[in-house]
Amino acid sequence: MAAHPYETHLARVARAGEHAGWQPADGPLPALYLSHGAPPLFEDTAWMEQLFGWARSLPRPRAILIVSAHWEEAPLALTSADAAVTPVYDFGGFAPMYSRMRYDTPAATELSAQLLGMLSSENVHRTGRGLDHGAWVPLKVMYPEADIPVLQLSLPTSSPAALLELGGKLRSLREEGVLVIGSGFTTHGLPFLTREVMRGEVEAPGWSRQFDAWAQEALARGDVDELAAYRAKAPGMPYAHPTVEHFTPLFVTLGASANPEAARTSEIDGFWWGLSKRSFAAA
């Protein structure tokens, strides 16, 4: 019986050797925006290679703070800082093995205390919640050793301005070796996908390709105002985002960067199930 693609990925990880940890001399880590996929990401060899290669191109972070499309809650909330918290299996219709997967990271007590201090004006509350699939699925590919403390922060609003401001409050974490990630999907029109598109028998739908091209061009210009006006200005709306929670984590990423209006190039592009995988780093 052939090995599962994720098992093959883990063998590739083992061959990659040691991952050098972040040091102050490395300077601030970038903030990332990820298109995070779903459990079948573990079956996509090429995409796993892209994500793991991207992670290995950066110093190994001291800790990770991630905001995911799959946890919308206000006021702000944090996942449990305990070690080995059971993930949230917030999906259905996939192979049962994915609802048994774990991502048992170390305790994130230090990062939790730091965040509560930094965001003291935000009335942040702690929960016993684990990481949802928008967090643990891509991280299990990028950092499969699960040896980095991880916390997830809820997505409190869909307002680009408010999320840019929130990202700005997280910016200093990057100077201490914390990787700040906004996790979504550059297009996410699941209700409008056909079986032929999802099986890769035909190209991505026009609304997905048009929105993706618009986002690429706006990021390349560093045009935050254009991106923030996506509801009115982006082609392919509302099909690309019938609900907006998979696009808005992008603004946390931009806000956490040193210059939100800097030009951005993509680390990952292309389509999966007809949805745009576009992902980028913001230094």
Protein backbone atom coordinates (compact mmCIF):
# COMPACT_ATOMS: atom_id res chain seq x y z
CA MET A 1 0.00 0.00 0.00
CA ALA A 2 1.38 3.39 -1.00
CA ALA A 3 2.33 5.78 1.78
CA HIS A 4 -0.04 8.65 2.51
CA PRO A 5 1.33 11.91 1.00
CA TYR A 6 1.72 13.40 4.48
CA GLU A 7 3.91 10.47 5.54
CA THR A 8 6.06 11.18 2.51
CA HIS A 9 6.13 14.83 3.56
CA LEU A 10 7.40 13.86 7.01
CA ALA A 11 10.20 11.85 5.42
CA ARG A 12 11.12 14.95 3.41
CA VAL A 13 11.12 16.99 6.63
CA ALA A 14 13.47 14.50 8.29
CA ARG A 15 15.90 14.81 5.39
CA ALA A 16 15.85 18.61 5.65
CA GLY A 17 17.81 18.47 8.89
CA GLU A 18 17.97 21.01 11.70
CA HIS A 19 16.12 24.32 11.40
CA ALA A 20 18.15 27.20 12.85
CA GLY A 21 16.22 29.19 15.45
CA TRP A 22 15.60 32.93 15.35
CA GLN A 23 18.26 35.15 16.89
CA PRO A 24 18.02 38.92 17.57
CA ALA A 25 20.67 39.48 14.90
CA ASP A 26 18.19 38.09 12.35
CA GLY A 27 15.98 41.15 12.81
CA PRO A 28 12.18 41.09 12.90
CA LEU A 29 10.41 38.13 11.38
CA PRO A 30 7.92 39.00 8.63
CA ALA A 31 4.18 38.73 9.18
CA LEU A 32 2.53 36.16 6.88
CA TYR A 33 -0.80 35.85 5.16
CA LEU A 34 -1.61 32.21 4.36
CA SER A 35 -4.28 30.65 2.23
CA HIS A 36 -4.72 27.71 4.57
CA GLY A 37 -6.61 25.06 2.64
CA ALA A 38 -8.44 22.27 4.46
CA PRO A 39 -7.51 18.74 5.65
CA PRO A 40 -6.98 17.53 2.04
CA LEU A 41 -3.95 19.85 2.02
CA PHE A 42 -2.26 16.79 3.56
CA GLU A 43 -2.80 15.03 0.21
CA ASP A 44 -1.32 17.81 -1.95
CA THR A 45 2.40 17.13 -2.24
CA ALA A 46 3.24 20.26 -4.22
CA TRP A 47 1.43 22.61 -1.86
CA MET A 48 3.01 20.98 1.20
CA GLU A 49 6.43 21.44 -0.41
CA GLN A 50 5.67 25.13 -0.99
CA LEU A 51 4.56 25.75 2.59
CA PHE A 52 7.41 23.80 4.17
CA GLY A 53 9.99 25.43 1.90
CA TRP A 54 8.64 28.84 2.85
CA ALA A 55 8.86 28.01 6.55
CA ARG A 56 12.44 26.78 6.15
CA SER A 57 13.41 29.99 4.32
CA LEU A 58 12.75 31.86 7.58
CA PRO A 59 14.49 31.41 10.93
CA ARG A 60 12.62 29.01 13.18
CA PRO A 61 10.33 31.27 15.23
CA ARG A 62 10.43 31.44 19.01
CA ALA A 63 6.61 31.33 19.06
CA ILE A 64 3.68 31.72 16.66
CA LEU A 65 0.58 33.90 16.94
CA ILE A 66 -2.10 33.15 14.36
CA VAL A 67 -5.46 34.73 13.49
CA SER A 68 -7.74 32.41 11.54
CA ALA A 69 -10.89 32.89 9.51
CA HIS A 70 -12.52 30.12 11.53
CA TRP A 71 -12.68 31.90 14.88
CA GLU A 72 -14.71 35.09 14.77
CA GLU A 73 -15.27 36.34 18.29
CA ALA A 74 -15.45 39.73 19.97
CA PRO A 75 -14.14 40.91 22.31
CA LEU A 76 -10.77 39.42 21.54
CA ALA A 77 -10.11 35.92 22.82
CA LEU A 78 -7.05 33.68 23.07
CA THR A 79 -6.80 29.92 22.80
CA SER A 80 -5.52 27.89 25.71
CA ALA A 81 -1.88 28.42 26.59
CA ASP A 82 -1.59 24.83 27.85
CA ALA A 83 0.53 22.23 26.13
CA ALA A 84 -1.00 19.59 23.82
CA VAL A 85 -4.52 21.04 23.65
CA THR A 86 -6.90 19.03 21.46
CA PRO A 87 -7.44 20.79 18.10
CA VAL A 88 -10.84 21.96 16.94
CA TYR A 89 -12.11 19.58 14.22
CA ASP A 90 -14.34 22.19 12.59
CA PHE A 91 -14.94 20.36 9.31
CA GLY A 92 -16.82 17.41 7.90
CA GLY A 93 -16.97 15.16 4.87
CA PHE A 94 -13.26 14.29 4.86
CA ALA A 95 -11.43 11.08 5.71
CA PRO A 96 -11.87 10.09 9.39
CA MET A 97 -8.10 10.17 9.91
CA TYR A 98 -8.17 13.97 9.81
CA SER A 99 -10.43 14.10 12.85
CA ARG A 100 -7.86 12.08 14.77
CA MET A 101 -4.83 14.17 13.90
CA ARG A 102 -3.08 16.06 16.69
CA TYR A 103 -0.81 19.09 16.81
CA ASP A 104 0.58 18.89 20.32
CA THR A 105 2.59 22.08 20.76
CA PRO A 106 4.38 23.18 23.95
CA ALA A 107 2.76 25.49 26.50
CA ALA A 108 2.51 29.11 25.31
CA THR A 109 2.31 30.65 28.78
CA GLU A 110 4.97 33.28 28.15
CA LEU A 111 3.40 34.48 24.89
CA SER A 112 -0.06 34.51 26.47
CA ALA A 113 1.09 36.73 29.33
CA GLN A 114 2.88 39.02 26.89
CA LEU A 115 -0.20 39.40 24.71
CA LEU A 116 -2.49 40.08 27.64
CA GLY A 117 -0.14 42.88 28.63
CA MET A 118 0.15 44.31 25.12
CA LEU A 119 -3.60 44.21 24.53
CA SER A 120 -4.69 45.29 28.01
CA SER A 121 -6.99 47.95 26.53
CA GLU A 122 -8.81 45.34 24.41
CA ASN A 123 -10.48 43.28 27.16
CA VAL A 124 -8.93 40.05 25.89
CA HIS A 125 -10.21 36.90 27.55
CA ARG A 126 -8.54 33.50 27.75
CA THR A 127 -10.34 30.32 26.75
CA GLY A 128 -9.72 26.59 26.87
CA ARG A 129 -10.16 26.38 23.10
CA GLY A 130 -7.68 24.57 20.86
CA LEU A 131 -6.43 25.61 17.42
CA ASP A 132 -8.95 25.40 14.58
CA HIS A 133 -8.14 23.94 11.19
CA GLY A 134 -7.21 27.34 9.78
CA ALA A 135 -4.32 27.26 12.24
CA TRP A 136 -3.25 23.68 12.89
CA VAL A 137 -3.60 22.34 9.33
CA PRO A 138 -1.06 24.69 7.66
CA LEU A 139 1.20 24.72 10.73
CA LYS A 140 1.30 20.91 10.80
CA VAL A 141 2.75 21.12 7.28
CA MET A 142 5.09 24.08 7.89
CA TYR A 143 6.31 23.09 11.37
CA PRO A 144 5.41 19.40 11.68
CA GLU A 145 7.68 18.87 14.68
CA ALA A 146 5.07 20.78 16.77
CA ASP A 147 7.89 22.07 18.99
CA ILE A 148 7.00 25.79 18.80
CA PRO A 149 4.49 27.40 21.21
CA VAL A 150 1.38 28.53 19.29
CA LEU A 151 -1.51 30.77 20.28
CA GLN A 152 -4.53 31.71 18.24
CA LEU A 153 -6.19 35.11 18.56
CA SER A 154 -9.82 35.49 17.54
CA LEU A 155 -10.88 37.62 14.58
CA PRO A 156 -12.97 40.31 16.30
CA THR A 157 -14.34 42.28 13.36
CA SER A 158 -14.50 42.46 9.56
CA SER A 159 -13.43 46.13 9.51
CA PRO A 160 -10.16 46.50 7.56
CA ALA A 161 -9.29 49.65 9.51
CA ALA A 162 -9.80 47.97 12.88
CA LEU A 163 -7.82 44.89 11.81
CA LEU A 164 -4.97 47.04 10.52
CA GLU A 165 -4.93 48.72 13.93
CA LEU A 166 -4.95 45.35 15.69
CA GLY A 167 -2.05 44.18 13.54
CA GLY A 168 -0.16 47.32 14.47
CA LYS A 169 -0.46 46.40 18.14
CA LEU A 170 1.12 43.03 17.38
CA ARG A 171 4.01 44.45 15.34
CA SER A 172 6.58 44.50 18.13
CA LEU A 173 6.23 40.73 18.58
CA ARG A 174 8.08 40.24 15.32
CA GLU A 175 11.16 41.88 16.85
CA GLU A 176 11.20 39.13 19.49
CA GLY A 177 11.09 36.19 17.12
CA VAL A 178 7.31 35.68 17.13
CA LEU A 179 5.80 34.77 13.76
CA VAL A 180 2.50 36.63 13.27
CA ILE A 181 0.17 34.95 10.76
CA GLY A 182 -3.17 35.89 9.25
CA SER A 183 -4.76 32.68 7.95
CA GLY A 184 -7.57 32.77 5.40
CA PHE A 185 -8.00 32.03 1.69
CA THR A 186 -7.55 34.63 -1.05
CA THR A 187 -10.79 33.41 -2.62
CA HIS A 188 -13.34 31.26 -0.82
CA GLY A 189 -16.48 30.96 -2.90
CA LEU A 190 -17.21 27.36 -1.90
CA PRO A 191 -20.95 27.50 -2.70
CA PHE A 192 -20.15 28.37 -6.31
CA LEU A 193 -17.66 25.60 -7.11
CA THR A 194 -18.57 22.74 -9.42
CA ARG A 195 -17.35 19.17 -9.04
CA GLU A 196 -15.39 19.57 -12.27
CA VAL A 197 -13.52 22.56 -10.85
CA MET A 198 -12.83 20.83 -7.53
CA ARG A 199 -11.48 17.76 -9.33
CA GLY A 200 -9.20 19.95 -11.44
CA GLU A 201 -10.90 18.97 -14.70
CA VAL A 202 -11.50 22.60 -15.69
CA GLU A 203 -9.72 25.81 -14.77
CA ALA A 204 -10.60 27.98 -11.79
CA PRO A 205 -13.81 29.96 -12.28
CA GLY A 206 -13.61 33.48 -13.66
CA TRP A 207 -14.65 35.14 -10.40
CA SER A 208 -11.76 33.44 -8.57
CA ARG A 209 -9.18 34.28 -11.22
CA GLN A 210 -10.36 37.89 -11.48
CA PHE A 211 -10.33 38.50 -7.73
CA ASP A 212 -6.91 36.86 -7.44
CA ALA A 213 -5.44 39.04 -10.21
CA TRP A 214 -6.91 42.15 -8.59
CA ALA A 215 -5.42 41.21 -5.20
CA GLN A 216 -2.02 40.48 -6.75
CA GLU A 217 -1.95 43.86 -8.48
CA ALA A 218 -3.08 45.78 -5.38
CA LEU A 219 -0.48 44.02 -3.22
CA ALA A 220 2.23 44.73 -5.79
CA ARG A 221 1.36 48.45 -5.56
CA GLY A 222 1.04 48.41 -1.79
CA ASP A 223 -2.43 49.87 -2.25
CA VAL A 224 -4.02 49.28 1.15
CA ASP A 225 -6.94 51.61 0.37
CA GLU A 226 -7.81 49.53 -2.69
CA LEU A 227 -7.60 46.30 -0.72
CA ALA A 228 -9.73 47.74 2.09
CA ALA A 229 -12.41 48.66 -0.45
CA TYR A 230 -12.60 45.09 -1.77
CA ARG A 231 -16.37 44.80 -1.30
CA ALA A 232 -16.94 47.58 -3.81
CA LYS A 233 -13.83 47.43 -6.02
CA ALA A 234 -12.75 43.81 -6.34
CA PRO A 235 -13.98 41.95 -9.43
CA GLY A 236 -15.59 38.63 -8.69
CA MET A 237 -17.39 39.84 -5.57
CA PRO A 238 -19.46 38.52 -3.91
CA TYR A 239 -18.73 35.12 -5.46
CA ALA A 240 -15.08 35.21 -4.37
CA HIS A 241 -16.14 35.94 -0.79
CA PRO A 242 -19.84 35.40 -0.07
CA THR A 243 -18.71 35.88 3.54
CA VAL A 244 -15.55 37.86 4.15
CA GLU A 245 -13.76 36.16 7.05
CA HIS A 246 -11.25 34.40 4.78
CA PHE A 247 -10.03 37.67 3.27
CA THR A 248 -9.96 39.94 6.32
CA PRO A 249 -7.03 38.25 8.16
CA LEU A 250 -4.92 39.83 5.42
CA PHE A 251 -5.36 43.19 7.17
CA VAL A 252 -3.94 41.86 10.44
CA THR A 253 -0.87 40.78 8.47
CA LEU A 254 -0.49 44.16 6.76
CA GLY A 255 -1.01 46.00 10.04
CA ALA A 256 1.71 43.95 11.70
CA SER A 257 4.22 44.87 8.99
CA ALA A 258 6.70 47.73 9.33
CA ASN A 259 5.05 49.48 6.37
CA PRO A 260 1.54 48.32 5.42
CA GLU A 261 1.81 50.20 2.11
CA ALA A 262 4.99 48.50 0.93
CA ALA A 263 4.82 46.51 -2.31
CA ARG A 264 4.27 42.78 -1.76
CA THR A 265 5.15 39.83 -3.91
CA SER A 266 3.56 36.44 -3.36
CA GLU A 267 5.39 33.46 -1.95
CA ILE A 268 2.69 31.04 -3.12
CA ASP A 269 0.12 31.42 -5.89
CA GLY A 270 -2.04 29.21 -8.07
CA PHE A 271 -5.38 27.54 -7.35
CA TRP A 272 -6.69 24.59 -5.33
CA TRP A 273 -10.27 23.42 -5.87
CA GLY A 274 -10.62 26.59 -7.95
CA LEU A 275 -9.70 28.81 -4.98
CA SER A 276 -6.71 31.12 -4.94
CA LYS A 277 -3.79 29.95 -2.80
CA ARG A 278 -2.09 33.37 -2.91
CA SER A 279 0.03 33.87 0.21
CA PHE A 280 2.63 36.52 1.02
CA ALA A 281 5.09 37.82 3.58
CA ALA A 282 5.02 41.38 4.92
CA ALA A 283 8.32 42.54 6.38
